[in-house]
Amino acid sequence: MLMHVIDALASALLSMLALSDLRRRRLPNAIVAAFATLYVAHAWLAGATRIAFELHLVTGVAALALAAVLFRFGWLGGGDAKLFGAVFLWSGPAHAATVFFIVSLFGLILALAQIAVGRMQRDAAAPGALAWLAPSHGVPYGLALAVGAMAAVWLPASSTSAHTFALLPHLSVWPLSVHVRLT
């Protein structure tokens, strides 16, 4: 049960990161670090083996290295790069493809929304309420990463025993609707 509290806390941190990125286009390092650190507590409480923990760590480091290259070319912000590594630390190799698909899909939706808002602004028809999504402010990719991270946090819960489903149906059933297998 404590593991679900950690997962809920991780989700709260992700919500804070998403809001911060939407409002200020900043992902505070302390919150990203806290999210990554919560994985260690989660793994320990789950009784993860040393090999399983190391596989998650390697996945996170590889994702961080890829994100660092994207940052170097200016395609990703520094906070996004750090969050990218933390997201894939949580996903591990078992859910990395699914989480990557979710992040990519939400990133695409976000980009399309920004294009639409940009066109509306040129036509002077964009309401002020959409100013946070204006292309001139940059892409809040932390939002797409946060959605993917939520999947990384809760997907393992969807593959647990039926006992967990009986205890927490509202928390463990929703990931089933977004779980996409890339086979």
C-alpha atoms as a PDB file:
ATOM      1  CA  MET A   1       0.000   0.000   0.000  1.00  0.00           C
ATOM      2  CA  LEU A   2       2.912   2.352   0.715  1.00  0.00           C
ATOM      3  CA  MET A   3       4.066   1.818  -2.848  1.00  0.00           C
ATOM      4  CA  HIS A   4       0.824   3.348  -4.106  1.00  0.00           C
ATOM      5  CA  VAL A   5       1.398   6.354  -1.862  1.00  0.00           C
ATOM      6  CA  ILE A   6       4.803   6.803  -3.512  1.00  0.00           C
ATOM      7  CA  ASP A   7       3.188   6.451  -6.944  1.00  0.00           C
ATOM      8  CA  ALA A   8       0.583   9.063  -6.011  1.00  0.00           C
ATOM      9  CA  LEU A   9       3.311  11.398  -4.754  1.00  0.00           C
ATOM     10  CA  ALA A  10       5.207  10.879  -8.011  1.00  0.00           C
ATOM     11  CA  SER A  11       2.020  11.750  -9.903  1.00  0.00           C
ATOM     12  CA  ALA A  12       1.615  14.916  -7.839  1.00  0.00           C
ATOM     13  CA  LEU A  13       5.194  15.938  -8.665  1.00  0.00           C
ATOM     14  CA  LEU A  14       4.520  15.296 -12.340  1.00  0.00           C
ATOM     15  CA  SER A  15       1.432  17.486 -12.183  1.00  0.00           C
ATOM     16  CA  MET A  16       3.527  20.260 -10.631  1.00  0.00           C
ATOM     17  CA  LEU A  17       6.116  19.879 -13.392  1.00  0.00           C
ATOM     18  CA  ALA A  18       3.472  19.985 -16.130  1.00  0.00           C
ATOM     19  CA  LEU A  19       1.900  23.139 -14.687  1.00  0.00           C
ATOM     20  CA  SER A  20       5.289  24.778 -14.252  1.00  0.00           C
ATOM     21  CA  ASP A  21       6.201  24.027 -17.851  1.00  0.00           C
ATOM     22  CA  LEU A  22       2.869  25.355 -19.118  1.00  0.00           C
ATOM     23  CA  ARG A  23       3.092  28.563 -17.111  1.00  0.00           C
ATOM     24  CA  ARG A  24       6.800  29.413 -17.163  1.00  0.00           C
ATOM     25  CA  ARG A  25       8.417  26.906 -19.554  1.00  0.00           C
ATOM     26  CA  ARG A  26      10.612  25.777 -16.647  1.00  0.00           C
ATOM     27  CA  LEU A  27      11.024  22.381 -15.006  1.00  0.00           C
ATOM     28  CA  PRO A  28      12.544  22.936 -11.555  1.00  0.00           C
ATOM     29  CA  ASN A  29      15.551  20.686 -10.949  1.00  0.00           C
ATOM     30  CA  ALA A  30      14.472  19.924  -7.379  1.00  0.00           C
ATOM     31  CA  ILE A  31      11.135  18.515  -8.512  1.00  0.00           C
ATOM     32  CA  VAL A  32      12.705  16.482 -11.319  1.00  0.00           C
ATOM     33  CA  ALA A  33      15.278  15.120  -8.843  1.00  0.00           C
ATOM     34  CA  ALA A  34      12.541  14.297  -6.320  1.00  0.00           C
ATOM     35  CA  PHE A  35      10.600  12.432  -9.013  1.00  0.00           C
ATOM     36  CA  ALA A  36      13.691  10.401  -9.966  1.00  0.00           C
ATOM     37  CA  THR A  37      14.497   9.708  -6.316  1.00  0.00           C
ATOM     38  CA  LEU A  38      11.001   8.400  -5.690  1.00  0.00           C
ATOM     39  CA  TYR A  39      11.779   5.600  -8.139  1.00  0.00           C
ATOM     40  CA  VAL A  40      14.480   4.345  -5.782  1.00  0.00           C
ATOM     41  CA  ALA A  41      11.958   4.189  -2.918  1.00  0.00           C
ATOM     42  CA  HIS A  42       9.416   2.545  -5.209  1.00  0.00           C
ATOM     43  CA  ALA A  43      11.907  -0.096  -6.362  1.00  0.00           C
ATOM     44  CA  TRP A  44      12.998  -0.818  -2.810  1.00  0.00           C
ATOM     45  CA  LEU A  45       9.422  -1.237  -1.571  1.00  0.00           C
ATOM     46  CA  ALA A  46       8.551  -3.390  -4.583  1.00  0.00           C
ATOM     47  CA  GLY A  47      11.440  -5.693  -3.725  1.00  0.00           C
ATOM     48  CA  ALA A  48      13.149  -5.114  -7.067  1.00  0.00           C
ATOM     49  CA  THR A  49      16.185  -7.276  -7.649  1.00  0.00           C
ATOM     50  CA  ARG A  50      19.567  -5.695  -8.165  1.00  0.00           C
ATOM     51  CA  ILE A  51      19.472  -6.647 -11.850  1.00  0.00           C
ATOM     52  CA  ALA A  52      16.002  -5.128 -12.320  1.00  0.00           C
ATOM     53  CA  PHE A  53      17.120  -1.920 -10.619  1.00  0.00           C
ATOM     54  CA  GLU A  54      20.247  -1.765 -12.763  1.00  0.00           C
ATOM     55  CA  LEU A  55      18.195  -2.267 -15.947  1.00  0.00           C
ATOM     56  CA  HIS A  56      15.993   0.666 -14.965  1.00  0.00           C
ATOM     57  CA  LEU A  57      19.084   2.715 -14.200  1.00  0.00           C
ATOM     58  CA  VAL A  58      20.675   1.885 -17.565  1.00  0.00           C
ATOM     59  CA  THR A  59      17.430   2.767 -19.360  1.00  0.00           C
ATOM     60  CA  GLY A  60      17.311   6.122 -17.564  1.00  0.00           C
ATOM     61  CA  VAL A  61      20.964   6.910 -18.266  1.00  0.00           C
ATOM     62  CA  ALA A  62      20.596   5.964 -21.946  1.00  0.00           C
ATOM     63  CA  ALA A  63      17.528   8.204 -22.219  1.00  0.00           C
ATOM     64  CA  LEU A  64      19.401  11.034 -20.513  1.00  0.00           C
ATOM     65  CA  ALA A  65      22.301  10.623 -22.960  1.00  0.00           C
ATOM     66  CA  LEU A  66      19.911  10.746 -25.929  1.00  0.00           C
ATOM     67  CA  ALA A  67      18.157  13.782 -24.449  1.00  0.00           C
ATOM     68  CA  ALA A  68      21.545  15.478 -23.920  1.00  0.00           C
ATOM     69  CA  VAL A  69      22.243  15.126 -27.640  1.00  0.00           C
ATOM     70  CA  LEU A  70      18.810  16.582 -28.420  1.00  0.00           C
ATOM     71  CA  PHE A  71      19.548  19.424 -25.995  1.00  0.00           C
ATOM     72  CA  ARG A  72      22.923  20.059 -27.646  1.00  0.00           C
ATOM     73  CA  PHE A  73      21.218  20.573 -31.001  1.00  0.00           C
ATOM     74  CA  GLY A  74      18.591  22.838 -29.430  1.00  0.00           C
ATOM     75  CA  TRP A  75      15.711  20.438 -29.998  1.00  0.00           C
ATOM     76  CA  LEU A  76      14.959  19.956 -26.299  1.00  0.00           C
ATOM     77  CA  GLY A  77      15.305  22.154 -23.221  1.00  0.00           C
ATOM     78  CA  GLY A  78      17.636  21.316 -20.339  1.00  0.00           C
ATOM     79  CA  GLY A  79      14.811  20.578 -17.903  1.00  0.00           C
ATOM     80  CA  ASP A  80      13.110  18.433 -20.521  1.00  0.00           C
ATOM     81  CA  ALA A  81      16.325  16.448 -20.977  1.00  0.00           C
ATOM     82  CA  LYS A  82      16.616  15.765 -17.249  1.00  0.00           C
ATOM     83  CA  LEU A  83      12.951  14.803 -16.990  1.00  0.00           C
ATOM     84  CA  PHE A  84      13.368  12.548 -20.039  1.00  0.00           C
ATOM     85  CA  GLY A  85      16.018  10.551 -18.153  1.00  0.00           C
ATOM     86  CA  ALA A  86      13.871  10.367 -15.021  1.00  0.00           C
ATOM     87  CA  VAL A  87      10.827   9.208 -16.987  1.00  0.00           C
ATOM     88  CA  PHE A  88      12.742   6.323 -18.514  1.00  0.00           C
ATOM     89  CA  LEU A  89      14.320   5.476 -15.159  1.00  0.00           C
ATOM     90  CA  TRP A  90      10.755   4.790 -14.011  1.00  0.00           C
ATOM     91  CA  SER A  91       9.722   2.981 -17.197  1.00  0.00           C
ATOM     92  CA  GLY A  92      12.663   0.622 -17.394  1.00  0.00           C
ATOM     93  CA  PRO A  93      13.151  -1.487 -20.477  1.00  0.00           C
ATOM     94  CA  ALA A  94       9.829  -3.328 -20.075  1.00  0.00           C
ATOM     95  CA  HIS A  95       7.671  -0.238 -20.610  1.00  0.00           C
ATOM     96  CA  ALA A  96      10.115   2.043 -22.460  1.00  0.00           C
ATOM     97  CA  ALA A  97       8.536   1.558 -25.888  1.00  0.00           C
ATOM     98  CA  THR A  98       5.018   2.178 -24.560  1.00  0.00           C
ATOM     99  CA  VAL A  99       6.091   5.262 -22.634  1.00  0.00           C
ATOM    100  CA  PHE A 100       8.030   6.581 -25.632  1.00  0.00           C
ATOM    101  CA  PHE A 101       4.937   6.120 -27.795  1.00  0.00           C
ATOM    102  CA  ILE A 102       2.758   7.991 -25.279  1.00  0.00           C
ATOM    103  CA  VAL A 103       5.267  10.852 -24.949  1.00  0.00           C
ATOM    104  CA  SER A 104       5.556  11.074 -28.740  1.00  0.00           C
ATOM    105  CA  LEU A 105       1.788  11.011 -29.251  1.00  0.00           C
ATOM    106  CA  PHE A 106       1.157  13.732 -26.680  1.00  0.00           C
ATOM    107  CA  GLY A 107       4.083  15.730 -28.070  1.00  0.00           C
ATOM    108  CA  LEU A 108       2.477  15.544 -31.511  1.00  0.00           C
ATOM    109  CA  ILE A 109      -0.892  16.639 -30.138  1.00  0.00           C
ATOM    110  CA  LEU A 110       0.825  19.519 -28.344  1.00  0.00           C
ATOM    111  CA  ALA A 111       2.662  20.571 -31.514  1.00  0.00           C
ATOM    112  CA  LEU A 112      -0.550  20.485 -33.556  1.00  0.00           C
ATOM    113  CA  ALA A 113      -2.307  22.578 -30.913  1.00  0.00           C
ATOM    114  CA  GLN A 114       0.517  25.115 -31.014  1.00  0.00           C
ATOM    115  CA  ILE A 115       0.325  25.316 -34.793  1.00  0.00           C
ATOM    116  CA  ALA A 116      -3.425  25.933 -34.568  1.00  0.00           C
ATOM    117  CA  VAL A 117      -2.989  28.622 -31.900  1.00  0.00           C
ATOM    118  CA  GLY A 118      -0.257  30.254 -33.984  1.00  0.00           C
ATOM    119  CA  ARG A 119      -2.571  30.432 -36.980  1.00  0.00           C
ATOM    120  CA  MET A 120      -5.392  31.812 -34.867  1.00  0.00           C
ATOM    121  CA  GLN A 121      -3.074  34.497 -33.497  1.00  0.00           C
ATOM    122  CA  ARG A 122      -2.091  35.542 -36.996  1.00  0.00           C
ATOM    123  CA  ASP A 123      -5.779  35.896 -37.806  1.00  0.00           C
ATOM    124  CA  ALA A 124      -6.272  37.800 -34.507  1.00  0.00           C
ATOM    125  CA  ALA A 125      -8.933  35.274 -33.509  1.00  0.00           C
ATOM    126  CA  ALA A 126      -7.017  33.588 -30.690  1.00  0.00           C
ATOM    127  CA  PRO A 127      -8.566  34.129 -27.301  1.00  0.00           C
ATOM    128  CA  GLY A 128      -6.234  35.327 -24.532  1.00  0.00           C
ATOM    129  CA  ALA A 129      -6.876  32.090 -22.687  1.00  0.00           C
ATOM    130  CA  LEU A 130      -4.737  30.258 -25.249  1.00  0.00           C
ATOM    131  CA  ALA A 131      -1.724  32.564 -24.874  1.00  0.00           C
ATOM    132  CA  TRP A 132       0.085  29.949 -22.755  1.00  0.00           C
ATOM    133  CA  LEU A 133       0.188  27.726 -25.846  1.00  0.00           C
ATOM    134  CA  ALA A 134       1.526  30.379 -28.226  1.00  0.00           C
ATOM    135  CA  PRO A 135       4.423  29.084 -30.351  1.00  0.00           C
ATOM    136  CA  SER A 136       6.444  32.184 -29.473  1.00  0.00           C
ATOM    137  CA  HIS A 137       6.688  30.916 -25.890  1.00  0.00           C
ATOM    138  CA  GLY A 138       8.339  27.658 -26.912  1.00  0.00           C
ATOM    139  CA  VAL A 139       7.071  24.104 -26.690  1.00  0.00           C
ATOM    140  CA  PRO A 140       6.044  22.941 -23.191  1.00  0.00           C
ATOM    141  CA  TYR A 141       7.340  19.434 -23.909  1.00  0.00           C
ATOM    142  CA  GLY A 142       7.422  18.773 -20.165  1.00  0.00           C
ATOM    143  CA  LEU A 143       3.662  18.292 -20.436  1.00  0.00           C
ATOM    144  CA  ALA A 144       4.069  15.394 -22.888  1.00  0.00           C
ATOM    145  CA  LEU A 145       6.859  13.976 -20.724  1.00  0.00           C
ATOM    146  CA  ALA A 146       4.660  14.224 -17.630  1.00  0.00           C
ATOM    147  CA  VAL A 147       1.862  12.298 -19.348  1.00  0.00           C
ATOM    148  CA  GLY A 148       4.333   9.608 -20.396  1.00  0.00           C
ATOM    149  CA  ALA A 149       5.785   9.572 -16.905  1.00  0.00           C
ATOM    150  CA  MET A 150       2.323   8.988 -15.424  1.00  0.00           C
ATOM    151  CA  ALA A 151       2.129   5.922 -17.631  1.00  0.00           C
ATOM    152  CA  ALA A 152       5.600   4.850 -16.480  1.00  0.00           C
ATOM    153  CA  VAL A 153       4.503   5.156 -12.866  1.00  0.00           C
ATOM    154  CA  TRP A 154       1.155   3.376 -13.200  1.00  0.00           C
ATOM    155  CA  LEU A 155       1.712   0.790 -15.980  1.00  0.00           C
ATOM    156  CA  PRO A 156       3.496  -1.644 -13.644  1.00  0.00           C
ATOM    157  CA  ALA A 157       0.470  -1.427 -11.329  1.00  0.00           C
ATOM    158  CA  SER A 158      -1.750  -2.598 -14.188  1.00  0.00           C
ATOM    159  CA  SER A 159       0.252  -5.802 -14.522  1.00  0.00           C
ATOM    160  CA  THR A 160       0.092  -6.763 -10.858  1.00  0.00           C
ATOM    161  CA  SER A 161      -2.131  -9.399  -9.325  1.00  0.00           C
ATOM    162  CA  ALA A 162      -5.919  -9.302  -9.225  1.00  0.00           C
ATOM    163  CA  HIS A 163      -5.596  -8.589  -5.504  1.00  0.00           C
ATOM    164  CA  THR A 164      -4.244  -5.113  -6.274  1.00  0.00           C
ATOM    165  CA  PHE A 165      -7.075  -4.492  -8.723  1.00  0.00           C
ATOM    166  CA  ALA A 166      -9.574  -5.325  -6.006  1.00  0.00           C
ATOM    167  CA  LEU A 167      -7.886  -2.951  -3.539  1.00  0.00           C
ATOM    168  CA  LEU A 168      -7.385   0.010  -5.868  1.00  0.00           C
ATOM    169  CA  PRO A 169      -9.586  -0.273  -8.962  1.00  0.00           C
ATOM    170  CA  HIS A 170      -9.671   3.468  -9.558  1.00  0.00           C
ATOM    171  CA  LEU A 171      -5.866   3.683  -9.642  1.00  0.00           C
ATOM    172  CA  SER A 172      -4.921   0.481 -11.408  1.00  0.00           C
ATOM    173  CA  VAL A 173      -7.517   0.198 -14.158  1.00  0.00           C
ATOM    174  CA  TRP A 174      -7.071   3.491 -16.026  1.00  0.00           C
ATOM    175  CA  PRO A 175      -3.577   2.612 -17.329  1.00  0.00           C
ATOM    176  CA  LEU A 176      -5.118  -0.336 -19.152  1.00  0.00           C
ATOM    177  CA  SER A 177      -6.926   2.091 -21.428  1.00  0.00           C
ATOM    178  CA  VAL A 178      -3.692   3.807 -22.487  1.00  0.00           C
ATOM    179  CA  HIS A 179      -1.431   0.779 -22.564  1.00  0.00           C
ATOM    180  CA  VAL A 180      -0.414   0.232 -26.172  1.00  0.00           C
ATOM    181  CA  ARG A 181       1.789  -2.658 -27.133  1.00  0.00           C
ATOM    182  CA  LEU A 182       4.171  -2.005 -29.998  1.00  0.00           C
ATOM    183  CA  THR A 183       4.626  -5.519 -31.311  1.00  0.00           C
END
